Amino acid sequence: MAVQGPTGTTALDRMRDRLTRTESRCPECGSDAAEWTCRTDGGRVRYERTCPSCGAVASRTLRLRR
C-alpha cells in the first residue's frame, strides 16, 4: 500500500506549496503567473511573490520559536 506524503521535501517547501495552492491569484489583477519565494534569517521565514503582470507584491512572514 502506497502512502502519499507532502509535495515538498522540507517544511519550508511544504509551506511554499500550500501558499501556491491557496493564494495563487494576484489580488490586484487576477494573474496566477507569480511564484512564491522563500528566505530565512534563522528567526523568521519570509515568503514573497511579485506579480509579473502588475508588479504587486504579496508577502507572508512566520516567526520561528527557539
PDB file of N, CA and C in Angstrom:
ATOM      1  N   MET A   1       0.840  -1.172   0.000  1.00  0.00           N
ATOM      2  CA  MET A   1       0.000   0.000   0.000  1.00  0.00           C
ATOM      3  C   MET A   1       0.889   1.239   0.000  1.00  0.00           C
ATOM      4  N   ALA A   2       0.677   2.118  -0.953  1.00  0.00           N
ATOM      5  CA  ALA A   2       1.478   3.335  -1.070  1.00  0.00           C
ATOM      6  C   ALA A   2       0.947   4.408  -0.127  1.00  0.00           C
ATOM      7  N   VAL A   3       1.853   5.146   0.440  1.00  0.00           N
ATOM      8  CA  VAL A   3       1.496   6.260   1.320  1.00  0.00           C
ATOM      9  C   VAL A   3       1.892   7.533   0.606  1.00  0.00           C
ATOM     10  N   GLN A   4       0.940   8.419   0.454  1.00  0.00           N
ATOM     11  CA  GLN A   4       1.224   9.663  -0.220  1.00  0.00           C
ATOM     12  C   GLN A   4       1.582  10.725   0.804  1.00  0.00           C
ATOM     13  N   GLY A   5       2.760  11.316   0.647  1.00  0.00           N
ATOM     14  CA  GLY A   5       3.226  12.325   1.588  1.00  0.00           C
ATOM     15  C   GLY A   5       3.094  13.718   1.021  1.00  0.00           C
ATOM     16  N   PRO A   6       3.604  14.694   1.746  1.00  0.00           N
ATOM     17  CA  PRO A   6       3.574  16.081   1.293  1.00  0.00           C
ATOM     18  C   PRO A   6       4.399  16.253   0.021  1.00  0.00           C
ATOM     19  N   THR A   7       4.101  17.291  -0.729  1.00  0.00           N
ATOM     20  CA  THR A   7       4.771  17.503  -2.001  1.00  0.00           C
ATOM     21  C   THR A   7       6.198  18.031  -1.856  1.00  0.00           C
ATOM     22  N   GLY A   8       6.495  18.800  -0.823  1.00  0.00           N
ATOM     23  CA  GLY A   8       7.833  19.363  -0.642  1.00  0.00           C
ATOM     24  C   GLY A   8       8.738  18.422   0.120  1.00  0.00           C
ATOM     25  N   THR A   9      10.010  18.755   0.111  1.00  0.00           N
ATOM     26  CA  THR A   9      10.954  17.917   0.834  1.00  0.00           C
ATOM     27  C   THR A   9      11.240  18.445   2.232  1.00  0.00           C
ATOM     28  N   THR A  10      10.963  19.703   2.481  1.00  0.00           N
ATOM     29  CA  THR A  10      11.169  20.286   3.803  1.00  0.00           C
ATOM     30  C   THR A  10       9.899  21.016   4.227  1.00  0.00           C
ATOM     31  N   ALA A  11       9.840  21.421   5.464  1.00  0.00           N
ATOM     32  CA  ALA A  11       8.689  22.190   5.943  1.00  0.00           C
ATOM     33  C   ALA A  11       8.552  23.509   5.178  1.00  0.00           C
ATOM     34  N   LEU A  12       9.674  24.118   4.825  1.00  0.00           N
ATOM     35  CA  LEU A  12       9.637  25.370   4.063  1.00  0.00           C
ATOM     36  C   LEU A  12       9.050  25.130   2.676  1.00  0.00           C
ATOM     37  N   ASP A  13       9.428  24.017   2.035  1.00  0.00           N
ATOM     38  CA  ASP A  13       8.873  23.667   0.727  1.00  0.00           C
ATOM     39  C   ASP A  13       7.374  23.411   0.815  1.00  0.00           C
ATOM     40  N   ARG A  14       6.957  22.709   1.849  1.00  0.00           N
ATOM     41  CA  ARG A  14       5.534  22.401   2.005  1.00  0.00           C
ATOM     42  C   ARG A  14       4.713  23.669   2.213  1.00  0.00           C
ATOM     43  N   MET A  15       5.232  24.620   2.970  1.00  0.00           N
ATOM     44  CA  MET A  15       4.517  25.876   3.180  1.00  0.00           C
ATOM     45  C   MET A  15       4.430  26.659   1.870  1.00  0.00           C
ATOM     46  N   ARG A  16       5.515  26.694   1.115  1.00  0.00           N
ATOM     47  CA  ARG A  16       5.502  27.386  -0.180  1.00  0.00           C
ATOM     48  C   ARG A  16       4.473  26.732  -1.114  1.00  0.00           C
ATOM     49  N   ASP A  17       4.433  25.407  -1.132  1.00  0.00           N
ATOM     50  CA  ASP A  17       3.457  24.698  -1.961  1.00  0.00           C
ATOM     51  C   ASP A  17       2.031  25.019  -1.515  1.00  0.00           C
ATOM     52  N   ARG A  18       1.821  25.111  -0.211  1.00  0.00           N
ATOM     53  CA  ARG A  18       0.483  25.448   0.314  1.00  0.00           C
ATOM     54  C   ARG A  18       0.071  26.850  -0.125  1.00  0.00           C
ATOM     55  N   LEU A  19       0.993  27.811  -0.032  1.00  0.00           N
ATOM     56  CA  LEU A  19       0.692  29.173  -0.472  1.00  0.00           C
ATOM     57  C   LEU A  19       0.374  29.193  -1.968  1.00  0.00           C
ATOM     58  N   THR A  20       1.110  28.425  -2.743  1.00  0.00           N
ATOM     59  CA  THR A  20       0.867  28.361  -4.178  1.00  0.00           C
ATOM     60  C   THR A  20      -0.532  27.814  -4.465  1.00  0.00           C
ATOM     61  N   ARG A  21      -0.953  26.810  -3.709  1.00  0.00           N
ATOM     62  CA  ARG A  21      -2.288  26.219  -3.912  1.00  0.00           C
ATOM     63  C   ARG A  21      -3.408  27.141  -3.438  1.00  0.00           C
ATOM     64  N   THR A  22      -3.224  27.803  -2.307  1.00  0.00           N
ATOM     65  CA  THR A  22      -4.317  28.566  -1.700  1.00  0.00           C
ATOM     66  C   THR A  22      -4.325  30.045  -2.051  1.00  0.00           C
ATOM     67  N   GLU A  23      -3.174  30.592  -2.426  1.00  0.00           N
ATOM     68  CA  GLU A  23      -3.088  32.017  -2.753  1.00  0.00           C
ATOM     69  C   GLU A  23      -2.360  32.182  -4.081  1.00  0.00           C
ATOM     70  N   SER A  24      -2.940  31.609  -5.125  1.00  0.00           N
ATOM     71  CA  SER A  24      -2.255  31.599  -6.414  1.00  0.00           C
ATOM     72  C   SER A  24      -2.563  32.819  -7.277  1.00  0.00           C
ATOM     73  N   ARG A  25      -3.642  33.499  -7.009  1.00  0.00           N
ATOM     74  CA  ARG A  25      -4.026  34.647  -7.846  1.00  0.00           C
ATOM     75  C   ARG A  25      -3.642  35.981  -7.207  1.00  0.00           C
ATOM     76  N   CYS A  26      -3.174  36.875  -8.057  1.00  0.00           N
ATOM     77  CA  CYS A  26      -2.849  38.236  -7.609  1.00  0.00           C
ATOM     78  C   CYS A  26      -4.146  38.958  -7.264  1.00  0.00           C
ATOM     79  N   PRO A  27      -4.253  39.538  -6.073  1.00  0.00           N
ATOM     80  CA  PRO A  27      -5.486  40.244  -5.703  1.00  0.00           C
ATOM     81  C   PRO A  27      -5.688  41.533  -6.505  1.00  0.00           C
ATOM     82  N   GLU A  28      -4.630  42.053  -7.093  1.00  0.00           N
ATOM     83  CA  GLU A  28      -4.723  43.307  -7.856  1.00  0.00           C
ATOM     84  C   GLU A  28      -5.251  43.098  -9.273  1.00  0.00           C
ATOM     85  N   CYS A  29      -4.688  42.096  -9.991  1.00  0.00           N
ATOM     86  CA  CYS A  29      -5.049  41.942 -11.405  1.00  0.00           C
ATOM     87  C   CYS A  29      -5.599  40.559 -11.761  1.00  0.00           C
ATOM     88  N   GLY A  30      -5.509  39.581 -10.832  1.00  0.00           N
ATOM     89  CA  GLY A  30      -6.049  38.258 -11.088  1.00  0.00           C
ATOM     90  C   GLY A  30      -5.093  37.290 -11.763  1.00  0.00           C
ATOM     91  N   SER A  31      -3.892  37.721 -12.082  1.00  0.00           N
ATOM     92  CA  SER A  31      -2.909  36.838 -12.724  1.00  0.00           C
ATOM     93  C   SER A  31      -2.501  35.721 -11.767  1.00  0.00           C
ATOM     94  N   ASP A  32      -2.208  34.553 -12.316  1.00  0.00           N
ATOM     95  CA  ASP A  32      -1.720  33.460 -11.471  1.00  0.00           C
ATOM     96  C   ASP A  32      -0.325  33.012 -11.907  1.00  0.00           C
ATOM     97  N   ALA A  33       0.440  33.928 -12.501  1.00  0.00           N
ATOM     98  CA  ALA A  33       1.762  33.601 -13.030  1.00  0.00           C
ATOM     99  C   ALA A  33       2.886  33.727 -11.994  1.00  0.00           C
ATOM    100  N   ALA A  34       2.652  34.383 -10.879  1.00  0.00           N
ATOM    101  CA  ALA A  34       3.714  34.603  -9.887  1.00  0.00           C
ATOM    102  C   ALA A  34       3.955  33.354  -9.054  1.00  0.00           C
ATOM    103  N   GLU A  35       5.197  33.141  -8.661  1.00  0.00           N
ATOM    104  CA  GLU A  35       5.559  32.032  -7.788  1.00  0.00           C
ATOM    105  C   GLU A  35       6.098  32.589  -6.477  1.00  0.00           C
ATOM    106  N   TRP A  36       5.845  31.869  -5.400  1.00  0.00           N
ATOM    107  CA  TRP A  36       6.331  32.263  -4.080  1.00  0.00           C
ATOM    108  C   TRP A  36       7.797  31.903  -3.942  1.00  0.00           C
ATOM    109  N   THR A  37       8.560  32.810  -3.346  1.00  0.00           N
ATOM    110  CA  THR A  37       9.952  32.530  -2.984  1.00  0.00           C
ATOM    111  C   THR A  37      10.051  32.542  -1.469  1.00  0.00           C
ATOM    112  N   CYS A  38      11.131  31.993  -0.945  1.00  0.00           N
ATOM    113  CA  CYS A  38      11.280  31.864   0.500  1.00  0.00           C
ATOM    114  C   CYS A  38      12.685  32.283   0.915  1.00  0.00           C
ATOM    115  N   ARG A  39      12.757  33.062   1.998  1.00  0.00           N
ATOM    116  CA  ARG A  39      14.037  33.449   2.611  1.00  0.00           C
ATOM    117  C   ARG A  39      13.914  33.315   4.109  1.00  0.00           C
ATOM    118  N   THR A  40      15.016  32.959   4.746  1.00  0.00           N
ATOM    119  CA  THR A  40      15.005  32.876   6.207  1.00  0.00           C
ATOM    120  C   THR A  40      16.294  33.461   6.762  1.00  0.00           C
ATOM    121  N   ASP A  41      16.190  34.035   7.956  1.00  0.00           N
ATOM    122  CA  ASP A  41      17.373  34.543   8.653  1.00  0.00           C
ATOM    123  C   ASP A  41      17.624  33.732   9.927  1.00  0.00           C
ATOM    124  N   GLY A  42      16.915  32.620  10.066  1.00  0.00           N
ATOM    125  CA  GLY A  42      17.061  31.781  11.251  1.00  0.00           C
ATOM    126  C   GLY A  42      15.999  32.045  12.300  1.00  0.00           C
ATOM    127  N   GLY A  43      15.463  33.249  12.354  1.00  0.00           N
ATOM    128  CA  GLY A  43      14.433  33.590  13.322  1.00  0.00           C
ATOM    129  C   GLY A  43      13.081  33.834  12.680  1.00  0.00           C
ATOM    130  N   ARG A  44      13.112  34.143  11.390  1.00  0.00           N
ATOM    131  CA  ARG A  44      11.883  34.403  10.634  1.00  0.00           C
ATOM    132  C   ARG A  44      12.006  33.764   9.258  1.00  0.00           C
ATOM    133  N   VAL A  45      10.853  33.415   8.723  1.00  0.00           N
ATOM    134  CA  VAL A  45      10.775  32.905   7.362  1.00  0.00           C
ATOM    135  C   VAL A  45       9.856  33.851   6.605  1.00  0.00           C
ATOM    136  N   ARG A  46      10.345  34.379   5.493  1.00  0.00           N
ATOM    137  CA  ARG A  46       9.551  35.318   4.694  1.00  0.00           C
ATOM    138  C   ARG A  46       9.270  34.709   3.328  1.00  0.00           C
ATOM    139  N   TYR A  47       7.982  34.591   3.015  1.00  0.00           N
ATOM    140  CA  TYR A  47       7.533  34.145   1.708  1.00  0.00           C
ATOM    141  C   TYR A  47       7.066  35.374   0.948  1.00  0.00           C
ATOM    142  N   GLU A  48       7.449  35.469  -0.320  1.00  0.00           N
ATOM    143  CA  GLU A  48       7.112  36.656  -1.095  1.00  0.00           C
ATOM    144  C   GLU A  48       6.884  36.276  -2.547  1.00  0.00           C
ATOM    145  N   ARG A  49       5.993  36.979  -3.188  1.00  0.00           N
ATOM    146  CA  ARG A  49       5.820  36.829  -4.630  1.00  0.00           C
ATOM    147  C   ARG A  49       5.545  38.199  -5.226  1.00  0.00           C
ATOM    148  N   THR A  50       6.058  38.406  -6.424  1.00  0.00           N
ATOM    149  CA  THR A  50       5.844  39.641  -7.161  1.00  0.00           C
ATOM    150  C   THR A  50       5.123  39.281  -8.451  1.00  0.00           C
ATOM    151  N   CYS A  51       3.999  39.880  -8.686  1.00  0.00           N
ATOM    152  CA  CYS A  51       3.205  39.595  -9.871  1.00  0.00           C
ATOM    153  C   CYS A  51       3.930  40.118 -11.106  1.00  0.00           C
ATOM    154  N   PRO A  52       4.180  39.252 -12.089  1.00  0.00           N
ATOM    155  CA  PRO A  52       4.864  39.714 -13.293  1.00  0.00           C
ATOM    156  C   PRO A  52       3.976  40.598 -14.174  1.00  0.00           C
ATOM    157  N   SER A  53       2.665  40.556 -13.967  1.00  0.00           N
ATOM    158  CA  SER A  53       1.749  41.356 -14.791  1.00  0.00           C
ATOM    159  C   SER A  53       1.622  42.796 -14.304  1.00  0.00           C
ATOM    160  N   CYS A  54       1.432  42.970 -12.990  1.00  0.00           N
ATOM    161  CA  CYS A  54       1.185  44.326 -12.475  1.00  0.00           C
ATOM    162  C   CYS A  54       2.225  44.798 -11.460  1.00  0.00           C
ATOM    163  N   GLY A  55       3.099  43.892 -11.003  1.00  0.00           N
ATOM    164  CA  GLY A  55       4.149  44.284 -10.060  1.00  0.00           C
ATOM    165  C   GLY A  55       3.734  44.282  -8.598  1.00  0.00           C
ATOM    166  N   ALA A  56       2.495  43.885  -8.292  1.00  0.00           N
ATOM    167  CA  ALA A  56       2.036  43.843  -6.897  1.00  0.00           C
ATOM    168  C   ALA A  56       2.844  42.811  -6.112  1.00  0.00           C
ATOM    169  N   VAL A  57       3.183  43.151  -4.882  1.00  0.00           N
ATOM    170  CA  VAL A  57       3.967  42.264  -4.026  1.00  0.00           C
ATOM    171  C   VAL A  57       3.092  41.742  -2.899  1.00  0.00           C
ATOM    172  N   ALA A  58       3.131  40.443  -2.699  1.00  0.00           N
ATOM    173  CA  ALA A  58       2.426  39.811  -1.578  1.00  0.00           C
ATOM    174  C   ALA A  58       3.477  39.130  -0.720  1.00  0.00           C
ATOM    175  N   SER A  59       3.325  39.190   0.593  1.00  0.00           N
ATOM    176  CA  SER A  59       4.304  38.535   1.457  1.00  0.00           C
ATOM    177  C   SER A  59       3.625  37.977   2.705  1.00  0.00           C
ATOM    178  N   ARG A  60       4.241  36.967   3.240  1.00  0.00           N
ATOM    179  CA  ARG A  60       3.830  36.347   4.498  1.00  0.00           C
ATOM    180  C   ARG A  60       5.099  36.106   5.302  1.00  0.00           C
ATOM    181  N   THR A  61       5.084  36.447   6.582  1.00  0.00           N
ATOM    182  CA  THR A  61       6.250  36.240   7.431  1.00  0.00           C
ATOM    183  C   THR A  61       5.864  35.381   8.625  1.00  0.00           C
ATOM    184  N   LEU A  62       6.661  34.366   8.887  1.00  0.00           N
ATOM    185  CA  LEU A  62       6.455  33.474  10.014  1.00  0.00           C
ATOM    186  C   LEU A  62       7.628  33.621  10.965  1.00  0.00           C
ATOM    187  N   ARG A  63       7.347  33.710  12.252  1.00  0.00           N
ATOM    188  CA  ARG A  63       8.418  33.745  13.263  1.00  0.00           C
ATOM    189  C   ARG A  63       8.666  32.335  13.758  1.00  0.00           C
ATOM    190  N   LEU A  64       9.918  32.005  13.956  1.00  0.00           N
ATOM    191  CA  LEU A  64      10.294  30.699  14.464  1.00  0.00           C
ATOM    192  C   LEU A  64      10.600  30.816  15.950  1.00  0.00           C
ATOM    193  N   ARG A  65      10.093  29.899  16.732  1.00  0.00           N
ATOM    194  CA  ARG A  65      10.392  29.893  18.160  1.00  0.00           C
ATOM    195  C   ARG A  65      11.698  29.166  18.399  1.00  0.00           C
ATOM    196  N   ARG A  66      12.405  29.597  19.415  1.00  0.00           N
ATOM    197  CA  ARG A  66      13.669  28.929  19.771  1.00  0.00           C
ATOM    198  C   ARG A  66      13.534  28.289  21.099  1.00  0.00           C
TER     199      ARG A  66
END
